[in-house]
N, C-alpha and C. Protein backbone atom coordinates (compact mmCIF):
# COMPACT_ATOMS: atom_id res chain seq x y z
N MET A 1 12.10 -18.76 14.35
CA MET A 1 11.04 -17.79 14.13
C MET A 1 10.79 -17.66 12.64
N SER A 2 9.54 -17.68 12.23
CA SER A 2 9.21 -17.56 10.82
C SER A 2 9.22 -16.08 10.40
N ASP A 3 9.36 -15.85 9.11
CA ASP A 3 9.35 -14.50 8.58
C ASP A 3 7.94 -13.92 8.64
N GLN A 4 7.86 -12.60 8.79
CA GLN A 4 6.57 -11.92 8.79
C GLN A 4 6.63 -10.75 7.84
N ASN A 5 5.54 -10.50 7.15
CA ASN A 5 5.44 -9.39 6.22
C ASN A 5 4.17 -8.62 6.58
N ILE A 6 4.32 -7.69 7.53
CA ILE A 6 3.19 -6.92 8.03
C ILE A 6 3.59 -5.44 8.04
N VAL A 7 2.71 -4.59 7.52
CA VAL A 7 2.98 -3.16 7.52
C VAL A 7 1.70 -2.43 7.90
N ALA A 8 1.84 -1.33 8.64
CA ALA A 8 0.71 -0.47 9.01
C ALA A 8 1.14 0.98 8.84
N ILE A 9 0.31 1.77 8.17
CA ILE A 9 0.62 3.18 7.95
C ILE A 9 -0.62 4.03 8.18
N THR A 10 -0.40 5.31 8.49
CA THR A 10 -1.45 6.32 8.44
C THR A 10 -0.90 7.45 7.59
N GLY A 11 -1.76 8.04 6.80
CA GLY A 11 -1.32 9.13 5.95
C GLY A 11 -2.50 9.69 5.16
N ARG A 12 -2.18 10.61 4.28
CA ARG A 12 -3.20 11.29 3.48
C ARG A 12 -3.13 10.85 2.02
N LEU A 13 -4.31 10.70 1.42
CA LEU A 13 -4.37 10.29 0.02
C LEU A 13 -3.83 11.39 -0.87
N GLY A 14 -2.96 11.02 -1.79
CA GLY A 14 -2.35 11.98 -2.71
C GLY A 14 -3.29 12.43 -3.81
N ARG A 15 -4.30 11.65 -4.11
CA ARG A 15 -5.31 12.01 -5.10
C ARG A 15 -6.57 11.18 -4.79
N SER A 16 -7.67 11.58 -5.37
CA SER A 16 -8.90 10.81 -5.18
C SER A 16 -8.76 9.46 -5.87
N PRO A 17 -9.21 8.39 -5.22
CA PRO A 17 -9.06 7.05 -5.80
C PRO A 17 -9.86 6.89 -7.09
N GLU A 18 -9.26 6.21 -8.06
CA GLU A 18 -9.94 5.88 -9.32
C GLU A 18 -10.07 4.37 -9.41
N LEU A 19 -11.30 3.90 -9.41
CA LEU A 19 -11.59 2.47 -9.44
C LEU A 19 -11.40 1.94 -10.86
N LYS A 20 -10.69 0.83 -10.97
CA LYS A 20 -10.51 0.15 -12.26
C LYS A 20 -11.00 -1.28 -12.09
N ASN A 21 -11.53 -1.84 -13.15
CA ASN A 21 -11.98 -3.22 -13.14
C ASN A 21 -11.16 -4.02 -14.14
N LEU A 22 -10.58 -5.12 -13.68
CA LEU A 22 -9.82 -6.00 -14.55
C LEU A 22 -10.77 -6.81 -15.42
N ALA A 23 -10.24 -7.44 -16.45
CA ALA A 23 -11.05 -8.27 -17.34
C ALA A 23 -11.77 -9.37 -16.57
N SER A 24 -11.18 -9.81 -15.48
CA SER A 24 -11.78 -10.86 -14.65
C SER A 24 -12.96 -10.35 -13.82
N GLY A 25 -13.15 -9.02 -13.79
CA GLY A 25 -14.21 -8.43 -12.99
C GLY A 25 -13.74 -7.96 -11.63
N THR A 26 -12.50 -8.22 -11.27
CA THR A 26 -11.94 -7.81 -9.98
C THR A 26 -11.69 -6.30 -9.98
N SER A 27 -12.10 -5.63 -8.92
CA SER A 27 -11.88 -4.20 -8.75
C SER A 27 -10.51 -3.95 -8.15
N VAL A 28 -9.85 -2.86 -8.58
CA VAL A 28 -8.54 -2.50 -8.05
C VAL A 28 -8.39 -0.98 -8.03
N VAL A 29 -7.72 -0.48 -6.99
CA VAL A 29 -7.35 0.93 -6.88
C VAL A 29 -5.88 0.99 -6.51
N ASP A 30 -5.09 1.75 -7.27
CA ASP A 30 -3.70 2.05 -6.93
C ASP A 30 -3.65 3.52 -6.53
N ILE A 31 -3.06 3.80 -5.38
CA ILE A 31 -3.04 5.17 -4.86
C ILE A 31 -1.72 5.43 -4.15
N SER A 32 -1.35 6.69 -4.00
CA SER A 32 -0.19 7.07 -3.20
C SER A 32 -0.68 7.68 -1.90
N VAL A 33 -0.04 7.30 -0.80
CA VAL A 33 -0.37 7.84 0.51
C VAL A 33 0.85 8.59 1.03
N ALA A 34 0.65 9.84 1.44
CA ALA A 34 1.72 10.67 2.00
C ALA A 34 1.83 10.39 3.49
N VAL A 35 3.00 9.91 3.91
CA VAL A 35 3.25 9.60 5.31
C VAL A 35 4.35 10.52 5.80
N GLN A 36 4.03 11.33 6.81
CA GLN A 36 5.00 12.28 7.34
C GLN A 36 5.76 11.68 8.50
N ASP A 37 7.04 12.08 8.60
CA ASP A 37 7.90 11.59 9.68
C ASP A 37 8.80 12.73 10.11
N GLY A 38 9.06 12.84 11.39
CA GLY A 38 9.94 13.88 11.92
C GLY A 38 9.17 15.13 12.29
N TRP A 39 9.92 16.13 12.80
CA TRP A 39 9.32 17.37 13.28
C TRP A 39 10.09 18.57 12.75
N GLY A 40 9.38 19.68 12.59
CA GLY A 40 10.01 20.94 12.22
C GLY A 40 10.84 20.84 10.95
N GLU A 41 12.10 21.31 11.05
CA GLU A 41 13.00 21.28 9.89
C GLU A 41 13.36 19.87 9.45
N ASN A 42 13.21 18.91 10.35
CA ASN A 42 13.55 17.52 10.04
C ASN A 42 12.37 16.72 9.48
N GLU A 43 11.22 17.37 9.30
CA GLU A 43 10.04 16.65 8.80
C GLU A 43 10.23 16.28 7.33
N LYS A 44 9.91 15.04 7.03
CA LYS A 44 10.00 14.53 5.66
C LYS A 44 8.70 13.81 5.33
N THR A 45 8.35 13.80 4.05
CA THR A 45 7.17 13.09 3.59
C THR A 45 7.60 11.97 2.67
N ALA A 46 7.15 10.78 2.96
CA ALA A 46 7.38 9.62 2.10
C ALA A 46 6.08 9.33 1.36
N TRP A 47 6.15 9.12 0.06
CA TRP A 47 4.98 8.77 -0.73
C TRP A 47 5.02 7.26 -0.95
N LEU A 48 4.03 6.57 -0.39
CA LEU A 48 3.98 5.11 -0.47
C LEU A 48 2.86 4.68 -1.40
N GLY A 49 3.18 3.81 -2.34
CA GLY A 49 2.17 3.24 -3.22
C GLY A 49 1.39 2.16 -2.48
N VAL A 50 0.07 2.20 -2.61
CA VAL A 50 -0.79 1.21 -1.94
C VAL A 50 -1.80 0.70 -2.97
N THR A 51 -1.99 -0.62 -2.99
CA THR A 51 -2.98 -1.24 -3.88
C THR A 51 -4.09 -1.86 -3.05
N PHE A 52 -5.33 -1.57 -3.42
CA PHE A 52 -6.52 -2.11 -2.78
C PHE A 52 -7.24 -2.99 -3.79
N TRP A 53 -7.76 -4.13 -3.35
CA TRP A 53 -8.42 -5.09 -4.23
C TRP A 53 -9.85 -5.34 -3.79
N GLY A 54 -10.71 -5.72 -4.73
CA GLY A 54 -12.06 -6.18 -4.44
C GLY A 54 -12.94 -5.15 -3.77
N LYS A 55 -13.69 -5.61 -2.76
CA LYS A 55 -14.65 -4.75 -2.05
C LYS A 55 -13.94 -3.59 -1.35
N ALA A 56 -12.72 -3.81 -0.86
CA ALA A 56 -11.97 -2.73 -0.21
C ALA A 56 -11.69 -1.61 -1.22
N ALA A 57 -11.34 -1.97 -2.45
CA ALA A 57 -11.09 -0.98 -3.50
C ALA A 57 -12.36 -0.20 -3.82
N GLU A 58 -13.49 -0.90 -3.91
CA GLU A 58 -14.76 -0.25 -4.21
C GLU A 58 -15.15 0.73 -3.10
N ALA A 59 -15.01 0.31 -1.84
CA ALA A 59 -15.35 1.18 -0.71
C ALA A 59 -14.45 2.40 -0.67
N LEU A 60 -13.16 2.21 -0.88
CA LEU A 60 -12.22 3.33 -0.88
C LEU A 60 -12.60 4.34 -1.96
N ALA A 61 -12.90 3.86 -3.17
CA ALA A 61 -13.26 4.75 -4.28
C ALA A 61 -14.56 5.49 -4.00
N ASN A 62 -15.49 4.85 -3.29
CA ASN A 62 -16.79 5.47 -3.03
C ASN A 62 -16.80 6.43 -1.85
N HIS A 63 -15.85 6.30 -0.91
CA HIS A 63 -15.94 7.06 0.32
C HIS A 63 -14.75 7.96 0.62
N CYS A 64 -13.71 7.95 -0.21
CA CYS A 64 -12.51 8.74 0.10
C CYS A 64 -12.19 9.72 -1.01
N THR A 65 -11.54 10.81 -0.63
CA THR A 65 -11.11 11.84 -1.59
C THR A 65 -9.69 12.28 -1.27
N LYS A 66 -9.10 12.98 -2.21
CA LYS A 66 -7.75 13.51 -2.06
C LYS A 66 -7.61 14.25 -0.74
N GLY A 67 -6.50 14.00 -0.02
CA GLY A 67 -6.20 14.70 1.21
C GLY A 67 -6.77 14.05 2.45
N GLN A 68 -7.68 13.10 2.30
CA GLN A 68 -8.29 12.46 3.46
C GLN A 68 -7.29 11.55 4.17
N LYS A 69 -7.30 11.57 5.49
CA LYS A 69 -6.39 10.76 6.28
C LYS A 69 -7.00 9.39 6.54
N ILE A 70 -6.24 8.33 6.21
CA ILE A 70 -6.70 6.96 6.42
C ILE A 70 -5.59 6.14 7.07
N TRP A 71 -5.97 4.99 7.62
CA TRP A 71 -4.99 4.01 8.08
C TRP A 71 -5.10 2.79 7.18
N VAL A 72 -3.97 2.15 6.96
CA VAL A 72 -3.90 0.97 6.09
C VAL A 72 -3.02 -0.07 6.76
N SER A 73 -3.46 -1.32 6.72
CA SER A 73 -2.57 -2.41 7.11
C SER A 73 -2.55 -3.41 5.96
N GLY A 74 -1.45 -4.09 5.84
CA GLY A 74 -1.30 -5.05 4.75
C GLY A 74 0.09 -5.65 4.74
N ARG A 75 0.57 -5.93 3.53
CA ARG A 75 1.90 -6.53 3.38
C ARG A 75 2.67 -5.78 2.30
N LEU A 76 3.98 -5.85 2.39
CA LEU A 76 4.82 -5.26 1.35
C LEU A 76 4.92 -6.23 0.18
N SER A 77 4.87 -5.69 -1.01
CA SER A 77 5.07 -6.50 -2.21
C SER A 77 6.00 -5.74 -3.15
N GLN A 78 6.67 -6.47 -4.00
CA GLN A 78 7.64 -5.86 -4.89
C GLN A 78 7.29 -6.18 -6.34
N GLU A 79 7.36 -5.16 -7.19
CA GLU A 79 7.13 -5.33 -8.63
C GLU A 79 8.44 -5.08 -9.36
N SER A 80 8.61 -5.73 -10.48
CA SER A 80 9.77 -5.44 -11.32
C SER A 80 9.33 -5.42 -12.78
N TRP A 81 9.98 -4.58 -13.58
CA TRP A 81 9.66 -4.45 -14.99
C TRP A 81 10.88 -3.92 -15.73
N ASP A 82 10.90 -4.10 -17.03
CA ASP A 82 11.97 -3.58 -17.89
C ASP A 82 11.49 -2.30 -18.55
N ASP A 83 12.31 -1.24 -18.46
CA ASP A 83 11.99 0.02 -19.10
C ASP A 83 12.02 -0.19 -20.62
N LYS A 84 10.95 0.18 -21.30
CA LYS A 84 10.85 -0.05 -22.74
C LYS A 84 11.86 0.77 -23.54
N GLU A 85 12.22 1.96 -23.05
CA GLU A 85 13.16 2.83 -23.76
C GLU A 85 14.61 2.46 -23.52
N THR A 86 14.96 2.18 -22.27
CA THR A 86 16.37 1.94 -21.94
C THR A 86 16.70 0.46 -21.76
N GLY A 87 15.67 -0.37 -21.55
CA GLY A 87 15.91 -1.78 -21.29
C GLY A 87 16.36 -2.06 -19.87
N LYS A 88 16.48 -1.01 -19.07
CA LYS A 88 16.93 -1.15 -17.69
C LYS A 88 15.84 -1.80 -16.83
N LYS A 89 16.25 -2.70 -15.93
CA LYS A 89 15.31 -3.36 -15.02
C LYS A 89 15.01 -2.43 -13.85
N ASN A 90 13.74 -2.25 -13.54
CA ASN A 90 13.30 -1.39 -12.45
C ASN A 90 12.52 -2.23 -11.43
N THR A 91 12.56 -1.79 -10.18
CA THR A 91 11.76 -2.43 -9.14
C THR A 91 11.17 -1.35 -8.25
N ARG A 92 10.04 -1.68 -7.63
CA ARG A 92 9.47 -0.79 -6.61
C ARG A 92 8.76 -1.66 -5.59
N THR A 93 8.76 -1.16 -4.37
CA THR A 93 8.10 -1.83 -3.27
C THR A 93 6.86 -1.02 -2.93
N LYS A 94 5.75 -1.71 -2.71
CA LYS A 94 4.50 -1.03 -2.36
C LYS A 94 3.75 -1.85 -1.33
N VAL A 95 2.67 -1.29 -0.82
CA VAL A 95 1.83 -1.96 0.17
C VAL A 95 0.62 -2.56 -0.55
N THR A 96 0.35 -3.82 -0.31
CA THR A 96 -0.90 -4.44 -0.75
C THR A 96 -1.81 -4.46 0.47
N ALA A 97 -2.88 -3.67 0.41
CA ALA A 97 -3.74 -3.46 1.58
C ALA A 97 -4.62 -4.67 1.86
N SER A 98 -4.77 -4.98 3.15
CA SER A 98 -5.72 -6.01 3.56
C SER A 98 -6.86 -5.40 4.37
N GLN A 99 -6.59 -4.28 5.06
CA GLN A 99 -7.59 -3.57 5.85
C GLN A 99 -7.31 -2.08 5.77
N TRP A 100 -8.36 -1.28 5.94
CA TRP A 100 -8.17 0.16 6.00
C TRP A 100 -9.36 0.78 6.73
N GLY A 101 -9.17 2.03 7.13
CA GLY A 101 -10.25 2.76 7.80
C GLY A 101 -9.96 4.25 7.82
N PHE A 102 -10.95 5.00 8.29
CA PHE A 102 -10.83 6.46 8.37
C PHE A 102 -10.09 6.87 9.64
N CYS A 103 -9.28 7.91 9.54
CA CYS A 103 -8.63 8.49 10.73
C CYS A 103 -9.36 9.74 11.20
N GLU A 104 -10.19 10.31 10.34
CA GLU A 104 -10.94 11.51 10.69
C GLU A 104 -12.16 11.60 9.78
N SER A 105 -13.10 12.42 10.17
CA SER A 105 -14.29 12.61 9.35
C SER A 105 -13.95 13.43 8.12
N LYS A 106 -14.81 13.41 7.12
CA LYS A 106 -14.59 14.21 5.92
C LYS A 106 -14.57 15.70 6.27
N LYS A 107 -15.40 16.11 7.24
CA LYS A 107 -15.43 17.52 7.64
C LYS A 107 -14.10 17.93 8.26
N ALA A 108 -13.50 17.07 9.08
CA ALA A 108 -12.21 17.39 9.70
C ALA A 108 -11.13 17.49 8.65
N SER A 109 -11.16 16.62 7.64
CA SER A 109 -10.12 16.67 6.60
C SER A 109 -10.31 17.88 5.70
N ALA A 110 -11.52 18.46 5.68
CA ALA A 110 -11.78 19.64 4.87
C ALA A 110 -11.44 20.92 5.63
N GLY A 111 -10.93 20.80 6.85
CA GLY A 111 -10.50 21.95 7.61
C GLY A 111 -11.52 22.46 8.61
N GLU A 112 -12.66 21.79 8.74
CA GLU A 112 -13.65 22.21 9.72
C GLU A 112 -13.24 21.70 11.10
N PRO A 113 -13.65 22.38 12.16
CA PRO A 113 -13.28 21.95 13.51
C PRO A 113 -13.72 20.52 13.79
N ALA A 114 -12.86 19.77 14.46
CA ALA A 114 -13.13 18.36 14.73
C ALA A 114 -14.31 18.17 15.67
N GLY A 115 -14.65 19.17 16.49
CA GLY A 115 -15.72 19.03 17.46
C GLY A 115 -17.11 19.15 16.86
N GLN A 116 -17.23 19.54 15.61
CA GLN A 116 -18.52 19.70 14.97
C GLN A 116 -19.15 18.34 14.69
N PRO A 117 -20.48 18.23 14.80
CA PRO A 117 -21.13 16.97 14.47
C PRO A 117 -20.92 16.63 13.00
N SER A 118 -20.76 15.37 12.70
CA SER A 118 -20.58 14.96 11.31
C SER A 118 -21.55 13.85 10.99
N SER A 119 -21.87 13.70 9.71
CA SER A 119 -22.77 12.63 9.31
C SER A 119 -22.07 11.29 9.49
N GLN A 120 -22.84 10.27 9.81
CA GLN A 120 -22.29 8.93 10.02
C GLN A 120 -21.79 8.39 8.68
N GLN A 121 -20.54 7.95 8.62
CA GLN A 121 -20.00 7.37 7.40
C GLN A 121 -20.06 5.87 7.48
N PRO A 122 -20.36 5.20 6.36
CA PRO A 122 -20.39 3.74 6.38
C PRO A 122 -19.01 3.17 6.63
N THR A 123 -18.95 2.05 7.30
CA THR A 123 -17.69 1.37 7.53
C THR A 123 -17.39 0.50 6.34
N PRO A 124 -16.24 0.72 5.67
CA PRO A 124 -15.93 -0.08 4.49
C PRO A 124 -15.67 -1.53 4.85
N PRO A 125 -15.92 -2.45 3.89
CA PRO A 125 -15.59 -3.84 4.14
C PRO A 125 -14.10 -3.99 4.42
N ASN A 126 -13.74 -5.02 5.13
CA ASN A 126 -12.35 -5.33 5.44
C ASN A 126 -11.70 -4.32 6.37
N SER A 127 -12.48 -3.46 7.01
CA SER A 127 -11.88 -2.53 7.97
C SER A 127 -12.35 -2.92 9.36
N GLN A 128 -11.53 -2.58 10.33
CA GLN A 128 -11.89 -2.85 11.71
C GLN A 128 -11.60 -1.61 12.52
N PRO A 129 -12.32 -1.41 13.60
CA PRO A 129 -12.08 -0.24 14.42
C PRO A 129 -10.63 -0.19 14.91
N ALA A 130 -10.12 1.03 15.06
CA ALA A 130 -8.74 1.19 15.50
C ALA A 130 -8.56 0.80 16.95
N GLY A 131 -9.60 0.84 17.75
CA GLY A 131 -9.49 0.49 19.16
C GLY A 131 -10.61 -0.45 19.57
N GLY A 132 -10.52 -0.96 20.76
CA GLY A 132 -11.54 -1.88 21.23
C GLY A 132 -12.10 -1.42 22.56
N ASP A 133 -13.27 -1.95 22.91
CA ASP A 133 -13.89 -1.60 24.17
C ASP A 133 -13.28 -2.34 25.35
N ASP A 134 -12.49 -3.37 25.08
CA ASP A 134 -11.95 -4.17 26.16
C ASP A 134 -10.64 -3.62 26.71
N ILE A 135 -10.18 -2.48 26.24
CA ILE A 135 -8.96 -1.88 26.75
C ILE A 135 -9.28 -1.15 28.05
N PRO A 136 -8.58 -1.42 29.14
CA PRO A 136 -8.96 -0.89 30.44
C PRO A 136 -8.62 0.57 30.67
N PHE A 137 -8.04 1.30 29.73
CA PHE A 137 -7.70 2.69 29.97
C PHE A 137 -8.24 3.58 28.88
């Protein structure tokens, strides 16, 4: 069996995305997503770093704000660097996004009742619906 590097998360954006453009012209957004796990007293929040590239980064920056719930799929990647002050080697693991989408409307994330009509939001590039019509239930 070959190795696989696939990750899928749902969570809330820790801050509004800030679009950056590299010298090459490629768009990038680095963001933290809060993912909750457990219940009651055992509930914990993990903050996961996620990087979006190209058109996905542009769409995220144009359509998402702090606190909005999204889903992300992609792969885990690892960065390493030397601390300039201590010389100590550091590493971190983050998600490099390949697809993403909305989990709720902007009105629902702002605390309005989910049953209220909402304006149609554009579907960002590289995203796919969470479900399909061919599921029999």
